[in-house]
Amino acid sequence: MKVNKLWAALLATTFGLAATATPVVVEAQAKKKAAAPAMTGPAVTKKPIALEPASLKWGMTTKQVGEAIDKQLDEAYKPLYQKVSPGVNQRALDAQLLEEKNTFRRSKIEFGKLPTAVDNSPLRGEYSYLNKEWMLSMTRDGKTRYFFFIQDKLWKIIDEIKLAKGGPLGANFQESAVKLSTTYGTPGRIIPPNPDLGMFATVVDWKDATTHVRLIERGETAIAIAYEDNATMQNIESLRPNKPKQEDAIDPAVAAAIRGPDPEPAPPPPADNKKKK
């Protein structure tokens, strides 16, 4: 995605033009703003960043988050209970609700000594190993939500969302960025990909007094929205005393196996059999 085009689309929200801006207008605005200085930090929102459900708070323990999710699921199941009569169907619904609550608790993945399958997903880099970190997840209504904990305190939530035409977040990354800029009352900061720094997707971010939000591009029809606790982010280095090994470092035993046995010493040169005259 062209950063100038995205930046122009976000600027259009400032003037209330997001819904009517045409590609020609977008490109014209991009040219006018080409020399605009880059933001040095996340855009500061004019409206507070809210977590959903409202019962979720930064610093919650794993148990407290589980209880909050239980209440959220109870509310989600109320319309279903209103449609069933006491008896077999209600007991089946009870079992379904209980299983969904238990599935959430069983989803726990600890980032301890051993690698996990999460390392092969776009979530790689959102956590560290050997620093008392773990993750819980749940999938509902086309959205997968990941809850990240450090020292048993909730500090990050990431929503993986599939986009659709006419959906609440639009049909593509640019439309999602415009909608969130409208929600937060200001255009977000755009961070283009930088493979040299391990950043392979375009990001737009905002912050308020307590929370940092990142909108992350996940291809043409999907996005991720990451919510992070500002206080934890400020202390993340001290909370992660164990640093990862260098990516290009090779275990000596593995290196030896790849290299193979040491070569045999070269034989001595053949003796000179010529007779001296």
Foldseek 3Di string as FASTA:
>chain_A
DDPLLLVLLQVCVLVPCNVPDDSVSSVVSSVVCVPPDADPDKAAFPDDDADPPNQDDWFAFPVSVLVVVLVVLVVVCVVVVVPDDPDDVVVVSVVVSVVQSVQQVVQKDAQEDDDDPCCVDPCNPVDHYNLQKIWTWHDDDQKIKIFIDGPRTTFKIKIKHFADDVDQQHFFLSSNQNNVCNVRVHRIRWDQADVVVPRDWIWTWYDYPFWIWIWTHDPGGIIMIMIGGPVCVVCVCVSCVDDDDDPPDDDPVVVDVVVDDDDDDDDDDDDDPDDDD
